[in-house]
């Protein structure tokens, strides 16, 4: 669990989506969520966290092969791209900071959401499914489109997240989830 902010600890201060503030130096690499003084839990994501935090390795590989990136700093699809999609969809519920100049943080970019880590996980999976659906809709193979749509009718995001988190030994009570 995250420690309360210590006054004068230095580092940039983030204004969280809930309106509270927090020093970026109170967020560490192992943290996946923290209990805020507003009473809610907020998910924490850093660019050094692997995208496999949210989706299986085989899917990350497929996304890396299929999605062209235009950034020299981030030449392959990863966590920053996933969080960019979340930020685009929920601009008022995600804050981010470039902390690359603060060696005490240990990351380059961090995001804090108005969602707890489980809800963020569900949102990322939902958005990846939408991305895949969009890509398949451009296929010139009507059978593939129909098959994908049929399979998505049977896909339960919440169940997937529950199973994936259990497989990775991440419980809802674990602040590192």
Protein backbone atom coordinates (compact mmCIF):
# COMPACT_ATOMS: atom_id res chain seq x y z
CA UNK A 1 0.00 0.00 0.00
CA UNK A 2 1.22 3.48 -0.80
CA UNK A 3 2.53 5.67 1.97
CA UNK A 4 0.87 9.03 2.59
CA UNK A 5 2.55 11.97 0.91
CA UNK A 6 5.36 13.45 2.95
CA UNK A 7 5.49 17.25 2.75
CA UNK A 8 8.67 18.55 1.20
CA UNK A 9 9.66 15.23 -0.38
CA UNK A 10 10.36 16.98 -3.69
CA UNK A 11 9.32 15.93 -7.11
CA UNK A 12 6.46 17.01 -9.29
CA UNK A 13 2.99 17.11 -7.77
CA UNK A 14 0.11 15.63 -9.75
CA UNK A 15 -3.40 16.90 -9.54
CA UNK A 16 -5.39 13.67 -9.56
CA UNK A 17 -8.70 13.27 -11.43
CA UNK A 18 -10.50 13.41 -8.06
CA UNK A 19 -8.98 16.84 -7.31
CA UNK A 20 -6.49 15.68 -4.67
CA UNK A 21 -2.76 16.14 -5.19
CA UNK A 22 0.09 13.70 -4.80
CA UNK A 23 3.85 13.83 -5.23
CA UNK A 24 5.08 11.60 -8.06
CA UNK A 25 7.81 10.40 -5.71
CA UNK A 26 5.20 8.60 -3.60
CA UNK A 27 4.48 6.35 -6.58
CA UNK A 28 6.91 3.46 -7.02
CA UNK A 29 7.51 0.83 -9.69
CA UNK A 30 5.75 -1.95 -7.79
CA UNK A 31 2.62 0.09 -7.15
CA UNK A 32 -0.44 -0.68 -9.25
CA UNK A 33 -3.00 1.23 -7.19
CA UNK A 34 -3.24 3.32 -4.04
CA UNK A 35 -5.95 4.39 -1.64
CA UNK A 36 -6.43 8.13 -1.97
CA UNK A 37 -7.48 10.54 0.73
CA UNK A 38 -10.62 11.12 -1.39
CA UNK A 39 -11.72 7.63 -0.35
CA UNK A 40 -11.24 5.95 -3.73
CA UNK A 41 -8.51 3.72 -5.11
CA UNK A 42 -6.59 5.03 -8.14
CA UNK A 43 -4.69 2.82 -10.58
CA UNK A 44 -1.05 3.66 -11.27
CA UNK A 45 0.68 2.71 -14.51
CA UNK A 46 4.25 3.47 -15.54
CA UNK A 47 5.77 3.18 -18.98
CA UNK A 48 8.18 0.54 -17.65
CA UNK A 49 5.27 -1.75 -16.77
CA UNK A 50 4.91 -4.40 -19.48
CA UNK A 51 1.73 -4.43 -21.58
CA UNK A 52 1.38 -8.07 -20.48
CA UNK A 53 0.07 -6.59 -17.25
CA UNK A 54 -3.23 -6.26 -19.13
CA UNK A 55 -3.24 -8.81 -21.97
CA UNK A 56 -1.43 -12.08 -22.74
CA UNK A 57 2.00 -12.10 -24.35
CA UNK A 58 0.71 -13.60 -27.63
CA UNK A 59 -1.73 -10.69 -28.03
CA UNK A 60 0.99 -8.13 -27.29
CA UNK A 61 3.05 -9.79 -30.02
CA UNK A 62 0.15 -9.59 -32.47
CA UNK A 63 -0.43 -5.93 -31.61
CA UNK A 64 3.28 -5.17 -32.07
CA UNK A 65 3.17 -6.78 -35.51
CA UNK A 66 -0.08 -5.10 -36.55
CA UNK A 67 0.11 -1.59 -35.09
CA UNK A 68 2.50 0.87 -36.66
CA UNK A 69 3.95 3.39 -34.25
CA UNK A 70 5.27 6.75 -35.31
CA UNK A 71 7.34 7.57 -32.26
CA UNK A 72 11.12 7.25 -32.24
CA UNK A 73 11.05 7.17 -28.43
CA UNK A 74 8.54 4.29 -28.41
CA UNK A 75 9.09 2.39 -31.65
CA UNK A 76 7.08 -0.69 -30.66
CA UNK A 77 3.55 -1.01 -29.33
CA UNK A 78 3.53 -1.10 -25.54
CA UNK A 79 2.07 0.19 -22.32
CA UNK A 80 2.36 3.84 -23.37
CA UNK A 81 0.19 3.12 -26.41
CA UNK A 82 -2.40 1.27 -24.31
CA UNK A 83 -2.56 4.17 -21.86
CA UNK A 84 -2.77 6.62 -24.77
CA UNK A 85 -5.91 4.83 -25.92
CA UNK A 86 -7.35 5.01 -22.37
CA UNK A 87 -6.42 8.70 -22.10
CA UNK A 88 -8.06 9.43 -25.44
CA UNK A 89 -11.27 7.69 -24.36
CA UNK A 90 -11.33 9.12 -20.81
CA UNK A 91 -9.42 12.44 -20.88
CA UNK A 92 -10.95 13.75 -17.65
CA UNK A 93 -10.31 10.53 -15.72
CA UNK A 94 -6.58 10.04 -16.39
CA UNK A 95 -3.63 12.25 -15.53
CA UNK A 96 -0.13 11.69 -16.80
CA UNK A 97 3.29 13.12 -16.14
CA UNK A 98 6.66 12.96 -17.84
CA UNK A 99 8.94 12.10 -14.93
CA UNK A 100 11.95 11.11 -17.00
CA UNK A 101 14.05 13.88 -15.45
CA UNK A 102 13.30 12.70 -11.88
CA UNK A 103 15.65 9.80 -11.13
CA UNK A 104 13.86 9.08 -7.86
CA UNK A 105 10.73 7.87 -9.68
CA UNK A 106 12.30 5.19 -11.89
CA UNK A 107 10.04 5.66 -14.88
CA UNK A 108 9.69 8.01 -17.82
CA UNK A 109 5.94 8.47 -17.95
CA UNK A 110 3.32 7.66 -15.36
CA UNK A 111 -0.45 7.68 -15.41
CA UNK A 112 -2.92 7.82 -12.51
CA UNK A 113 -6.55 7.04 -13.22
CA UNK A 114 -9.84 7.72 -11.55
CA UNK A 115 -10.41 3.94 -11.79
CA UNK A 116 -9.05 1.26 -9.50
CA UNK A 117 -6.60 -1.21 -11.05
CA UNK A 118 -9.24 -3.85 -11.81
CA UNK A 119 -11.57 -1.42 -13.59
CA UNK A 120 -8.63 -0.01 -15.55
CA UNK A 121 -7.72 -3.56 -16.56
CA UNK A 122 -11.26 -4.11 -17.85
CA UNK A 123 -11.18 -0.81 -19.76
CA UNK A 124 -7.86 -1.68 -21.43
CA UNK A 125 -9.23 -5.07 -22.53
CA UNK A 126 -12.44 -3.47 -23.82
CA UNK A 127 -10.44 -0.93 -25.83
CA UNK A 128 -8.11 -3.60 -27.25
CA UNK A 129 -11.16 -5.60 -28.35
CA UNK A 130 -12.53 -2.45 -30.04
CA UNK A 131 -9.17 -1.93 -31.76
CA UNK A 132 -9.21 -5.53 -32.98
CA UNK A 133 -12.81 -5.23 -34.13
CA UNK A 134 -11.95 -2.11 -36.10
CA UNK A 135 -9.00 -3.86 -37.74
CA UNK A 136 -11.05 -6.94 -38.62
CA UNK A 137 -13.82 -4.77 -40.07
CA UNK A 138 -11.33 -3.60 -42.70
CA UNK A 139 -10.55 -7.15 -43.76
CA UNK A 140 -11.71 -8.18 -47.16
CA UNK A 141 -12.80 -11.53 -45.74
CA UNK A 142 -16.46 -11.49 -44.72
CA UNK A 143 -16.08 -14.91 -43.10
CA UNK A 144 -13.31 -13.64 -40.84
CA UNK A 145 -15.40 -10.61 -39.87
CA UNK A 146 -18.43 -12.80 -39.08
CA UNK A 147 -16.32 -15.27 -37.10
CA UNK A 148 -14.70 -12.50 -35.05
CA UNK A 149 -18.09 -10.94 -34.30
CA UNK A 150 -19.48 -14.36 -33.29
CA UNK A 151 -16.56 -15.00 -30.94
CA UNK A 152 -16.89 -11.56 -29.39
CA UNK A 153 -20.51 -12.31 -28.49
CA UNK A 154 -19.18 -15.08 -26.23
CA UNK A 155 -16.31 -13.00 -24.80
CA UNK A 156 -16.89 -11.70 -21.28
CA UNK A 157 -14.39 -8.97 -20.38
CA UNK A 158 -14.98 -9.23 -16.64
CA UNK A 159 -14.52 -12.99 -16.68
CA UNK A 160 -11.36 -12.67 -18.78
CA UNK A 161 -9.90 -10.11 -16.36
CA UNK A 162 -10.75 -12.31 -13.37
CA UNK A 163 -9.08 -15.34 -14.96
CA UNK A 164 -6.08 -13.40 -16.24
CA UNK A 165 -5.44 -11.78 -12.86
CA UNK A 166 -5.77 -15.15 -11.13
CA UNK A 167 -3.36 -16.71 -13.64
CA UNK A 168 -0.87 -13.96 -12.89
CA UNK A 169 -1.56 -14.31 -9.14
CA UNK A 170 -2.98 -10.82 -8.89
CA UNK A 171 -5.82 -10.53 -6.42
CA UNK A 172 -8.21 -7.63 -6.00
CA UNK A 173 -6.81 -7.10 -2.50
CA UNK A 174 -3.27 -6.79 -3.83
CA UNK A 175 -2.30 -3.15 -4.34
CA UNK A 176 0.27 -4.33 -6.86
CA UNK A 177 -2.38 -5.73 -9.20
